[in-house]
């Protein structure tokens, strides 16, 4: 008999003492009921459901409880007016965790802007967390690539869902990977078909992001900055950290990951030929890294030697 996997979804109100004391709601989903707490933080203008392949992986492991959520301004979460910052969004996340009762031993994986939020999160409350996986991200003050500017300006005005999905897929994943054969057992022929089906299902069930919050999140990512002094404090916390990037990331410069690994004194894994969306492209290896980090815990040492993964 197959065990029933615990799943819940709901809203937690945050911002009671911030943003002019006007609270708003964040949407979250929790999967599993194990003792290991894994928080997944998604990137720019994307709902938390974009973590679907990682959630599916850990749903099979009874040791884990996994939570993803929609950042302010996207998905089912509220979209307060005004410009956002990654430090502000980190405070949102801490209040979400308070609402969940997750006050200690939380493992974090953040991708892109989610990695930026994760840095602010660890800096704000290091004692709450036990490990950190930084994915396709940076510490800020890195000029955006031309393809990033082009993507942000085009996707916000694009009405045709098919063209929008094609733009998202070809920006976040390498074309060679998209055209490659899908994993064994998949009903689709190519990875492109897999991704397009996933995007179609996500777009169909997720509210359209308001233009004002699209701009507000983009502002947060573009003006994010964690300086060397703050990175040194994160390093001094002793939390096991791993930084991962892909050589074909056309959205966030891989050099930002090299800088983070150096400043944080942690291993760096470079996926040769991979793009920006590593959790979806390299799911099995990515999840294995999370498991290895979690196994070490806050008092352990993550001993993976920096190397390239294919």
C-alpha atoms as a PDB file:
ATOM      1  CA  UNK A   1       0.000   0.000   0.000  1.00  0.00           C
ATOM      2  CA  UNK A   2       1.369   3.431  -0.964  1.00  0.00           C
ATOM      3  CA  UNK A   3       1.644   5.817   1.973  1.00  0.00           C
ATOM      4  CA  UNK A   4      -0.373   9.021   1.739  1.00  0.00           C
ATOM      5  CA  UNK A   5       1.855  12.081   1.366  1.00  0.00           C
ATOM      6  CA  UNK A   6       0.845  14.957   3.614  1.00  0.00           C
ATOM      7  CA  UNK A   7       0.074  18.105   1.642  1.00  0.00           C
ATOM      8  CA  UNK A   8      -1.341  21.403   2.760  1.00  0.00           C
ATOM      9  CA  UNK A   9      -1.710  24.843   1.265  1.00  0.00           C
ATOM     10  CA  UNK A  10      -2.787  28.148   2.654  1.00  0.00           C
ATOM     11  CA  UNK A  11      -1.954  31.758   3.462  1.00  0.00           C
ATOM     12  CA  UNK A  12       0.032  33.389   6.235  1.00  0.00           C
ATOM     13  CA  UNK A  13      -0.335  37.087   6.949  1.00  0.00           C
ATOM     14  CA  UNK A  14       2.913  39.034   7.231  1.00  0.00           C
ATOM     15  CA  UNK A  15       3.982  42.665   7.466  1.00  0.00           C
ATOM     16  CA  UNK A  16       2.073  43.627  10.609  1.00  0.00           C
ATOM     17  CA  UNK A  17       4.933  45.788  11.892  1.00  0.00           C
ATOM     18  CA  UNK A  18       6.336  46.864   8.536  1.00  0.00           C
ATOM     19  CA  UNK A  19       5.206  48.561   5.327  1.00  0.00           C
ATOM     20  CA  UNK A  20       3.208  51.196   7.238  1.00  0.00           C
ATOM     21  CA  UNK A  21       1.662  48.369   9.273  1.00  0.00           C
ATOM     22  CA  UNK A  22      -0.435  47.193   6.341  1.00  0.00           C
ATOM     23  CA  UNK A  23      -0.311  43.379   6.464  1.00  0.00           C
ATOM     24  CA  UNK A  24      -0.645  41.186   3.400  1.00  0.00           C
ATOM     25  CA  UNK A  25      -0.827  37.468   2.692  1.00  0.00           C
ATOM     26  CA  UNK A  26       1.766  35.047   1.346  1.00  0.00           C
ATOM     27  CA  UNK A  27       0.629  31.791  -0.237  1.00  0.00           C
ATOM     28  CA  UNK A  28       2.515  28.606   0.667  1.00  0.00           C
ATOM     29  CA  UNK A  29       2.393  24.873   0.091  1.00  0.00           C
ATOM     30  CA  UNK A  30       3.811  22.245   2.437  1.00  0.00           C
ATOM     31  CA  UNK A  31       4.568  18.672   1.319  1.00  0.00           C
ATOM     32  CA  UNK A  32       5.609  15.772   3.539  1.00  0.00           C
ATOM     33  CA  UNK A  33       5.712  15.377   7.290  1.00  0.00           C
ATOM     34  CA  UNK A  34       9.314  14.466   8.043  1.00  0.00           C
ATOM     35  CA  UNK A  35      11.683  16.002  10.613  1.00  0.00           C
ATOM     36  CA  UNK A  36      13.981  17.657   8.051  1.00  0.00           C
ATOM     37  CA  UNK A  37      12.644  21.088   7.115  1.00  0.00           C
ATOM     38  CA  UNK A  38      13.446  22.302   3.588  1.00  0.00           C
ATOM     39  CA  UNK A  39      12.508  25.812   2.452  1.00  0.00           C
ATOM     40  CA  UNK A  40      12.568  26.543  -1.292  1.00  0.00           C
ATOM     41  CA  UNK A  41      12.736  30.180  -2.444  1.00  0.00           C
ATOM     42  CA  UNK A  42      11.931  30.906  -6.086  1.00  0.00           C
ATOM     43  CA  UNK A  43      13.337  33.647  -8.287  1.00  0.00           C
ATOM     44  CA  UNK A  44      12.223  36.701 -10.191  1.00  0.00           C
ATOM     45  CA  UNK A  45       8.568  36.918 -11.221  1.00  0.00           C
ATOM     46  CA  UNK A  46       8.059  33.155 -10.829  1.00  0.00           C
ATOM     47  CA  UNK A  47       5.659  31.348  -8.490  1.00  0.00           C
ATOM     48  CA  UNK A  48       6.893  28.834  -5.951  1.00  0.00           C
ATOM     49  CA  UNK A  49       5.288  26.035  -7.962  1.00  0.00           C
ATOM     50  CA  UNK A  50       8.260  26.314 -10.329  1.00  0.00           C
ATOM     51  CA  UNK A  51      10.015  24.077  -7.763  1.00  0.00           C
ATOM     52  CA  UNK A  52       7.763  21.189  -8.870  1.00  0.00           C
ATOM     53  CA  UNK A  53      10.521  18.729  -9.814  1.00  0.00           C
ATOM     54  CA  UNK A  54      12.384  19.269  -6.531  1.00  0.00           C
ATOM     55  CA  UNK A  55       9.189  18.963  -4.489  1.00  0.00           C
ATOM     56  CA  UNK A  56       8.335  15.730  -6.304  1.00  0.00           C
ATOM     57  CA  UNK A  57      11.776  14.343  -5.476  1.00  0.00           C
ATOM     58  CA  UNK A  58      11.549  15.064  -1.746  1.00  0.00           C
ATOM     59  CA  UNK A  59       7.914  13.973  -1.514  1.00  0.00           C
ATOM     60  CA  UNK A  60       9.251  10.433  -1.942  1.00  0.00           C
ATOM     61  CA  UNK A  61      11.529  10.826   1.078  1.00  0.00           C
ATOM     62  CA  UNK A  62       9.660  10.458   4.408  1.00  0.00           C
ATOM     63  CA  UNK A  63      12.439  12.296   6.233  1.00  0.00           C
ATOM     64  CA  UNK A  64      11.518  15.637   4.662  1.00  0.00           C
ATOM     65  CA  UNK A  65       8.919  18.348   4.964  1.00  0.00           C
ATOM     66  CA  UNK A  66       9.227  20.768   2.059  1.00  0.00           C
ATOM     67  CA  UNK A  67       7.755  24.264   1.859  1.00  0.00           C
ATOM     68  CA  UNK A  68       7.645  26.597  -1.111  1.00  0.00           C
ATOM     69  CA  UNK A  69       5.795  29.896  -1.276  1.00  0.00           C
ATOM     70  CA  UNK A  70       4.955  32.710  -3.652  1.00  0.00           C
ATOM     71  CA  UNK A  71       7.013  35.824  -2.958  1.00  0.00           C
ATOM     72  CA  UNK A  72       5.146  39.097  -2.572  1.00  0.00           C
ATOM     73  CA  UNK A  73       3.902  40.260  -5.946  1.00  0.00           C
ATOM     74  CA  UNK A  74       3.580  36.936  -7.746  1.00  0.00           C
ATOM     75  CA  UNK A  75       1.352  33.874  -7.894  1.00  0.00           C
ATOM     76  CA  UNK A  76      -1.356  33.649  -5.231  1.00  0.00           C
ATOM     77  CA  UNK A  77       0.390  36.001  -2.805  1.00  0.00           C
ATOM     78  CA  UNK A  78      -0.694  39.604  -2.422  1.00  0.00           C
ATOM     79  CA  UNK A  79       1.052  42.288  -4.460  1.00  0.00           C
ATOM     80  CA  UNK A  80       1.507  45.374  -2.279  1.00  0.00           C
ATOM     81  CA  UNK A  81       2.173  48.665  -4.039  1.00  0.00           C
ATOM     82  CA  UNK A  82       5.598  50.261  -4.158  1.00  0.00           C
ATOM     83  CA  UNK A  83       9.066  49.030  -5.009  1.00  0.00           C
ATOM     84  CA  UNK A  84      10.432  45.919  -3.288  1.00  0.00           C
ATOM     85  CA  UNK A  85      13.856  44.966  -1.928  1.00  0.00           C
ATOM     86  CA  UNK A  86      15.432  41.581  -1.260  1.00  0.00           C
ATOM     87  CA  UNK A  87      15.922  42.460   2.421  1.00  0.00           C
ATOM     88  CA  UNK A  88      12.216  43.313   2.664  1.00  0.00           C
ATOM     89  CA  UNK A  89      11.305  40.007   1.010  1.00  0.00           C
ATOM     90  CA  UNK A  90      13.606  38.185   3.432  1.00  0.00           C
ATOM     91  CA  UNK A  91      11.636  39.703   6.319  1.00  0.00           C
ATOM     92  CA  UNK A  92       8.463  38.445   4.621  1.00  0.00           C
ATOM     93  CA  UNK A  93      10.009  34.981   4.616  1.00  0.00           C
ATOM     94  CA  UNK A  94      11.010  35.086   8.280  1.00  0.00           C
ATOM     95  CA  UNK A  95       7.452  36.010   9.239  1.00  0.00           C
ATOM     96  CA  UNK A  96       6.141  33.192   7.040  1.00  0.00           C
ATOM     97  CA  UNK A  97       8.437  30.773   8.878  1.00  0.00           C
ATOM     98  CA  UNK A  98       7.224  32.122  12.209  1.00  0.00           C
ATOM     99  CA  UNK A  99       3.673  31.386  11.084  1.00  0.00           C
ATOM    100  CA  UNK A 100       4.682  27.836  10.172  1.00  0.00           C
ATOM    101  CA  UNK A 101       6.463  27.359  13.497  1.00  0.00           C
ATOM    102  CA  UNK A 102       9.800  26.835  11.746  1.00  0.00           C
ATOM    103  CA  UNK A 103      12.089  28.603  14.202  1.00  0.00           C
ATOM    104  CA  UNK A 104      15.183  26.374  13.962  1.00  0.00           C
ATOM    105  CA  UNK A 105      17.036  23.789  11.844  1.00  0.00           C
ATOM    106  CA  UNK A 106      15.683  25.063   8.522  1.00  0.00           C
ATOM    107  CA  UNK A 107      17.528  24.112   5.344  1.00  0.00           C
ATOM    108  CA  UNK A 108      17.283  26.648   2.503  1.00  0.00           C
ATOM    109  CA  UNK A 109      17.666  26.459  -1.265  1.00  0.00           C
ATOM    110  CA  UNK A 110      17.237  29.644  -3.283  1.00  0.00           C
ATOM    111  CA  UNK A 111      17.479  30.174  -7.021  1.00  0.00           C
ATOM    112  CA  UNK A 112      18.249  33.465  -8.786  1.00  0.00           C
ATOM    113  CA  UNK A 113      16.435  36.244  -6.885  1.00  0.00           C
ATOM    114  CA  UNK A 114      15.512  33.516  -4.390  1.00  0.00           C
ATOM    115  CA  UNK A 115      19.225  33.118  -3.717  1.00  0.00           C
ATOM    116  CA  UNK A 116      19.504  36.865  -3.152  1.00  0.00           C
ATOM    117  CA  UNK A 117      16.635  36.682  -0.667  1.00  0.00           C
ATOM    118  CA  UNK A 118      18.346  33.684   0.966  1.00  0.00           C
ATOM    119  CA  UNK A 119      21.507  35.694   1.606  1.00  0.00           C
ATOM    120  CA  UNK A 120      19.479  38.411   3.327  1.00  0.00           C
ATOM    121  CA  UNK A 121      17.598  35.709   5.239  1.00  0.00           C
ATOM    122  CA  UNK A 122      20.724  34.075   6.656  1.00  0.00           C
ATOM    123  CA  UNK A 123      22.233  37.458   7.494  1.00  0.00           C
ATOM    124  CA  UNK A 124      19.087  38.516   9.367  1.00  0.00           C
ATOM    125  CA  UNK A 125      18.655  35.341  11.445  1.00  0.00           C
ATOM    126  CA  UNK A 126      21.539  32.860  11.060  1.00  0.00           C
ATOM    127  CA  UNK A 127      20.597  30.789  14.125  1.00  0.00           C
ATOM    128  CA  UNK A 128      17.367  29.682  12.471  1.00  0.00           C
ATOM    129  CA  UNK A 129      19.092  27.922   9.557  1.00  0.00           C
ATOM    130  CA  UNK A 130      21.185  24.766   9.126  1.00  0.00           C
ATOM    131  CA  UNK A 131      22.326  24.864   5.484  1.00  0.00           C
ATOM    132  CA  UNK A 132      22.157  26.989   2.351  1.00  0.00           C
ATOM    133  CA  UNK A 133      22.235  26.153  -1.363  1.00  0.00           C
ATOM    134  CA  UNK A 134      22.735  29.242  -3.540  1.00  0.00           C
ATOM    135  CA  UNK A 135      21.730  28.692  -7.163  1.00  0.00           C
ATOM    136  CA  UNK A 136      22.387  30.854 -10.229  1.00  0.00           C
ATOM    137  CA  UNK A 137      22.613  33.995  -8.123  1.00  0.00           C
ATOM    138  CA  UNK A 138      24.936  36.735  -6.913  1.00  0.00           C
ATOM    139  CA  UNK A 139      25.630  39.232  -4.145  1.00  0.00           C
ATOM    140  CA  UNK A 140      24.506  42.144  -6.295  1.00  0.00           C
ATOM    141  CA  UNK A 141      26.066  45.169  -7.967  1.00  0.00           C
ATOM    142  CA  UNK A 142      26.661  43.032 -11.057  1.00  0.00           C
ATOM    143  CA  UNK A 143      25.504  44.631 -14.332  1.00  0.00           C
ATOM    144  CA  UNK A 144      22.649  42.611 -15.850  1.00  0.00           C
ATOM    145  CA  UNK A 145      23.328  40.820 -19.114  1.00  0.00           C
ATOM    146  CA  UNK A 146      21.694  42.156 -22.264  1.00  0.00           C
ATOM    147  CA  UNK A 147      19.533  39.049 -22.558  1.00  0.00           C
ATOM    148  CA  UNK A 148      18.216  39.719 -19.031  1.00  0.00           C
ATOM    149  CA  UNK A 149      17.189  43.265 -19.903  1.00  0.00           C
ATOM    150  CA  UNK A 150      15.628  42.081 -23.162  1.00  0.00           C
ATOM    151  CA  UNK A 151      13.723  39.296 -21.416  1.00  0.00           C
ATOM    152  CA  UNK A 152      12.334  41.522 -18.653  1.00  0.00           C
ATOM    153  CA  UNK A 153      11.170  44.170 -21.107  1.00  0.00           C
ATOM    154  CA  UNK A 154       9.573  41.686 -23.508  1.00  0.00           C
ATOM    155  CA  UNK A 155       7.914  39.224 -21.146  1.00  0.00           C
ATOM    156  CA  UNK A 156       6.035  41.903 -19.218  1.00  0.00           C
ATOM    157  CA  UNK A 157       4.141  42.980 -22.361  1.00  0.00           C
ATOM    158  CA  UNK A 158       3.810  39.620 -24.092  1.00  0.00           C
ATOM    159  CA  UNK A 159       0.153  38.554 -24.288  1.00  0.00           C
ATOM    160  CA  UNK A 160       0.385  35.364 -26.380  1.00  0.00           C
ATOM    161  CA  UNK A 161       0.930  32.531 -23.852  1.00  0.00           C
ATOM    162  CA  UNK A 162       2.640  30.259 -26.409  1.00  0.00           C
ATOM    163  CA  UNK A 163       5.188  32.934 -27.320  1.00  0.00           C
ATOM    164  CA  UNK A 164       5.672  33.766 -23.648  1.00  0.00           C
ATOM    165  CA  UNK A 165       6.327  30.136 -22.737  1.00  0.00           C
ATOM    166  CA  UNK A 166       8.776  29.806 -25.618  1.00  0.00           C
ATOM    167  CA  UNK A 167      10.632  32.929 -24.469  1.00  0.00           C
ATOM    168  CA  UNK A 168      10.801  31.682 -20.866  1.00  0.00           C
ATOM    169  CA  UNK A 169      12.013  28.217 -21.902  1.00  0.00           C
ATOM    170  CA  UNK A 170      14.710  29.498 -24.266  1.00  0.00           C
ATOM    171  CA  UNK A 171      15.943  32.089 -21.765  1.00  0.00           C
ATOM    172  CA  UNK A 172      16.221  29.784 -18.770  1.00  0.00           C
ATOM    173  CA  UNK A 173      17.401  26.578 -20.500  1.00  0.00           C
ATOM    174  CA  UNK A 174      20.126  25.946 -23.128  1.00  0.00           C
ATOM    175  CA  UNK A 175      18.722  25.141 -26.571  1.00  0.00           C
ATOM    176  CA  UNK A 176      20.896  22.021 -26.800  1.00  0.00           C
ATOM    177  CA  UNK A 177      19.323  20.683 -23.609  1.00  0.00           C
ATOM    178  CA  UNK A 178      15.821  21.609 -24.742  1.00  0.00           C
ATOM    179  CA  UNK A 179      16.240  19.615 -27.940  1.00  0.00           C
ATOM    180  CA  UNK A 180      17.786  16.606 -26.187  1.00  0.00           C
ATOM    181  CA  UNK A 181      15.761  13.471 -25.494  1.00  0.00           C
ATOM    182  CA  UNK A 182      13.593  13.602 -22.382  1.00  0.00           C
ATOM    183  CA  UNK A 183      14.329  11.319 -19.399  1.00  0.00           C
ATOM    184  CA  UNK A 184      13.532   7.637 -19.727  1.00  0.00           C
ATOM    185  CA  UNK A 185       9.900   6.923 -18.964  1.00  0.00           C
ATOM    186  CA  UNK A 186       8.710  10.400 -19.878  1.00  0.00           C
ATOM    187  CA  UNK A 187       5.651  10.625 -22.174  1.00  0.00           C
ATOM    188  CA  UNK A 188       7.434  13.400 -24.078  1.00  0.00           C
ATOM    189  CA  UNK A 189      10.134  13.074 -26.731  1.00  0.00           C
ATOM    190  CA  UNK A 190      12.295  16.067 -25.821  1.00  0.00           C
ATOM    191  CA  UNK A 191      13.112  18.200 -22.798  1.00  0.00           C
ATOM    192  CA  UNK A 192      11.495  21.119 -24.611  1.00  0.00           C
ATOM    193  CA  UNK A 193       8.168  19.274 -24.638  1.00  0.00           C
ATOM    194  CA  UNK A 194       8.541  18.505 -20.931  1.00  0.00           C
ATOM    195  CA  UNK A 195       9.230  22.152 -20.072  1.00  0.00           C
ATOM    196  CA  UNK A 196       6.491  23.531 -22.324  1.00  0.00           C
ATOM    197  CA  UNK A 197       3.957  21.170 -20.733  1.00  0.00           C
ATOM    198  CA  UNK A 198       5.082  22.205 -17.249  1.00  0.00           C
ATOM    199  CA  UNK A 199       4.873  25.902 -18.142  1.00  0.00           C
ATOM    200  CA  UNK A 200       1.454  25.465 -19.736  1.00  0.00           C
ATOM    201  CA  UNK A 201       0.074  23.837 -16.581  1.00  0.00           C
ATOM    202  CA  UNK A 202       1.671  26.484 -14.358  1.00  0.00           C
ATOM    203  CA  UNK A 203       0.407  29.397 -16.462  1.00  0.00           C
ATOM    204  CA  UNK A 204      -3.097  27.904 -16.554  1.00  0.00           C
ATOM    205  CA  UNK A 205      -3.490  27.710 -12.777  1.00  0.00           C
ATOM    206  CA  UNK A 206      -1.458  30.737 -11.631  1.00  0.00           C
ATOM    207  CA  UNK A 207      -2.873  34.289 -11.589  1.00  0.00           C
ATOM    208  CA  UNK A 208      -1.266  36.676 -14.071  1.00  0.00           C
ATOM    209  CA  UNK A 209       1.314  38.823 -12.332  1.00  0.00           C
ATOM    210  CA  UNK A 210       0.330  42.513 -12.091  1.00  0.00           C
ATOM    211  CA  UNK A 211       2.620  44.842 -14.042  1.00  0.00           C
ATOM    212  CA  UNK A 212       3.399  46.927 -10.954  1.00  0.00           C
ATOM    213  CA  UNK A 213       4.697  43.924  -8.992  1.00  0.00           C
ATOM    214  CA  UNK A 214       6.646  42.629 -12.005  1.00  0.00           C
ATOM    215  CA  UNK A 215       8.495  45.944 -12.012  1.00  0.00           C
ATOM    216  CA  UNK A 216       8.789  45.945  -8.202  1.00  0.00           C
ATOM    217  CA  UNK A 217      10.403  42.483  -8.117  1.00  0.00           C
ATOM    218  CA  UNK A 218      12.721  43.382 -10.994  1.00  0.00           C
ATOM    219  CA  UNK A 219      13.776  46.464  -9.039  1.00  0.00           C
ATOM    220  CA  UNK A 220      14.558  44.289  -6.007  1.00  0.00           C
ATOM    221  CA  UNK A 221      16.771  41.956  -8.041  1.00  0.00           C
ATOM    222  CA  UNK A 222      18.559  44.714  -9.948  1.00  0.00           C
ATOM    223  CA  UNK A 223      19.376  46.752  -6.813  1.00  0.00           C
ATOM    224  CA  UNK A 224      20.162  43.820  -4.515  1.00  0.00           C
ATOM    225  CA  UNK A 225      23.521  44.084  -2.744  1.00  0.00           C
ATOM    226  CA  UNK A 226      25.158  42.111   0.065  1.00  0.00           C
ATOM    227  CA  UNK A 227      28.606  43.613   0.587  1.00  0.00           C
ATOM    228  CA  UNK A 228      31.778  41.816   1.602  1.00  0.00           C
ATOM    229  CA  UNK A 229      31.379  42.676   5.283  1.00  0.00           C
ATOM    230  CA  UNK A 230      27.918  41.095   5.411  1.00  0.00           C
ATOM    231  CA  UNK A 231      29.085  38.079   3.407  1.00  0.00           C
ATOM    232  CA  UNK A 232      31.864  37.652   5.983  1.00  0.00           C
ATOM    233  CA  UNK A 233      29.251  37.570   8.751  1.00  0.00           C
ATOM    234  CA  UNK A 234      27.289  34.904   6.875  1.00  0.00           C
ATOM    235  CA  UNK A 235      30.509  32.916   6.484  1.00  0.00           C
ATOM    236  CA  UNK A 236      31.244  33.281  10.201  1.00  0.00           C
ATOM    237  CA  UNK A 237      27.852  31.778  11.073  1.00  0.00           C
ATOM    238  CA  UNK A 238      29.289  28.346  10.252  1.00  0.00           C
ATOM    239  CA  UNK A 239      26.312  27.281   8.168  1.00  0.00           C
ATOM    240  CA  UNK A 240      27.296  24.748   5.467  1.00  0.00           C
ATOM    241  CA  UNK A 241      26.905  26.519   2.109  1.00  0.00           C
ATOM    242  CA  UNK A 242      27.186  25.383  -1.493  1.00  0.00           C
ATOM    243  CA  UNK A 243      27.078  27.621  -4.567  1.00  0.00           C
ATOM    244  CA  UNK A 244      26.058  26.200  -7.954  1.00  0.00           C
ATOM    245  CA  UNK A 245      25.923  27.753 -11.420  1.00  0.00           C
ATOM    246  CA  UNK A 246      25.840  26.780 -15.094  1.00  0.00           C
ATOM    247  CA  UNK A 247      28.294  27.855 -17.780  1.00  0.00           C
ATOM    248  CA  UNK A 248      25.421  28.706 -20.137  1.00  0.00           C
ATOM    249  CA  UNK A 249      23.475  30.878 -17.687  1.00  0.00           C
ATOM    250  CA  UNK A 250      22.327  33.783 -19.844  1.00  0.00           C
ATOM    251  CA  UNK A 251      20.272  35.386 -17.091  1.00  0.00           C
ATOM    252  CA  UNK A 252      22.650  35.842 -14.140  1.00  0.00           C
ATOM    253  CA  UNK A 253      26.373  36.029 -14.827  1.00  0.00           C
ATOM    254  CA  UNK A 254      28.200  32.903 -13.531  1.00  0.00           C
ATOM    255  CA  UNK A 255      31.001  35.184 -12.298  1.00  0.00           C
ATOM    256  CA  UNK A 256      28.665  36.201  -9.476  1.00  0.00           C
ATOM    257  CA  UNK A 257      28.692  32.622  -8.210  1.00  0.00           C
ATOM    258  CA  UNK A 258      32.498  32.530  -8.264  1.00  0.00           C
ATOM    259  CA  UNK A 259      32.541  35.714  -6.180  1.00  0.00           C
ATOM    260  CA  UNK A 260      30.050  34.279  -3.681  1.00  0.00           C
ATOM    261  CA  UNK A 261      31.976  31.043  -3.231  1.00  0.00           C
ATOM    262  CA  UNK A 262      35.201  32.949  -2.629  1.00  0.00           C
ATOM    263  CA  UNK A 263      33.686  35.403  -0.147  1.00  0.00           C
ATOM    264  CA  UNK A 264      31.704  32.718   1.683  1.00  0.00           C
ATOM    265  CA  UNK A 265      34.620  30.257   1.724  1.00  0.00           C
ATOM    266  CA  UNK A 266      32.442  27.470   0.383  1.00  0.00           C
ATOM    267  CA  UNK A 267      32.540  24.971  -2.494  1.00  0.00           C
ATOM    268  CA  UNK A 268      31.392  25.924  -5.979  1.00  0.00           C
ATOM    269  CA  UNK A 269      29.898  23.465  -8.467  1.00  0.00           C
ATOM    270  CA  UNK A 270      29.829  24.515 -12.114  1.00  0.00           C
ATOM    271  CA  UNK A 271      27.482  22.577 -14.397  1.00  0.00           C
ATOM    272  CA  UNK A 272      29.168  22.538 -17.794  1.00  0.00           C
ATOM    273  CA  UNK A 273      26.693  23.397 -20.564  1.00  0.00           C
ATOM    274  CA  UNK A 274      23.797  24.077 -18.185  1.00  0.00           C
ATOM    275  CA  UNK A 275      21.644  27.186 -17.974  1.00  0.00           C
ATOM    276  CA  UNK A 276      19.905  29.271 -15.337  1.00  0.00           C
ATOM    277  CA  UNK A 277      17.140  26.927 -14.139  1.00  0.00           C
ATOM    278  CA  UNK A 278      19.317  24.234 -12.582  1.00  0.00           C
ATOM    279  CA  UNK A 279      16.629  22.760 -10.256  1.00  0.00           C
ATOM    280  CA  UNK A 280      14.600  21.779 -13.325  1.00  0.00           C
ATOM    281  CA  UNK A 281      17.494  20.898 -15.620  1.00  0.00           C
ATOM    282  CA  UNK A 282      19.716  19.003 -13.177  1.00  0.00           C
ATOM    283  CA  UNK A 283      17.086  17.852 -10.690  1.00  0.00           C
ATOM    284  CA  UNK A 284      18.642  14.606  -9.431  1.00  0.00           C
ATOM    285  CA  UNK A 285      22.109  16.053  -8.852  1.00  0.00           C
ATOM    286  CA  UNK A 286      20.643  19.244  -7.410  1.00  0.00           C
ATOM    287  CA  UNK A 287      18.542  17.317  -4.900  1.00  0.00           C
ATOM    288  CA  UNK A 288      21.524  15.151  -3.980  1.00  0.00           C
ATOM    289  CA  UNK A 289      23.453  18.302  -3.081  1.00  0.00           C
ATOM    290  CA  UNK A 290      20.593  19.412  -0.823  1.00  0.00           C
ATOM    291  CA  UNK A 291      20.637  16.013   0.873  1.00  0.00           C
ATOM    292  CA  UNK A 292      24.409  16.139   1.365  1.00  0.00           C
ATOM    293  CA  UNK A 293      24.218  19.622   2.854  1.00  0.00           C
ATOM    294  CA  UNK A 294      21.402  18.574   5.155  1.00  0.00           C
ATOM    295  CA  UNK A 295      23.315  15.514   6.299  1.00  0.00           C
ATOM    296  CA  UNK A 296      26.172  17.707   7.474  1.00  0.00           C
ATOM    297  CA  UNK A 297      24.020  20.021   9.557  1.00  0.00           C
ATOM    298  CA  UNK A 298      25.122  23.282  11.059  1.00  0.00           C
ATOM    299  CA  UNK A 299      27.944  21.738  13.079  1.00  0.00           C
ATOM    300  CA  UNK A 300      29.293  19.724  10.161  1.00  0.00           C
ATOM    301  CA  UNK A 301      31.499  20.586   7.223  1.00  0.00           C
ATOM    302  CA  UNK A 302      30.382  20.242   3.649  1.00  0.00           C
ATOM    303  CA  UNK A 303      33.387  18.619   2.006  1.00  0.00           C
ATOM    304  CA  UNK A 304      32.450  18.560  -1.679  1.00  0.00           C
ATOM    305  CA  UNK A 305      35.483  19.602  -3.692  1.00  0.00           C
ATOM    306  CA  UNK A 306      34.778  22.309  -6.299  1.00  0.00           C
ATOM    307  CA  UNK A 307      34.323  20.650  -9.658  1.00  0.00           C
ATOM    308  CA  UNK A 308      32.284  20.691 -12.830  1.00  0.00           C
ATOM    309  CA  UNK A 309      29.243  18.471 -13.196  1.00  0.00           C
ATOM    310  CA  UNK A 310      27.871  17.429 -16.554  1.00  0.00           C
END
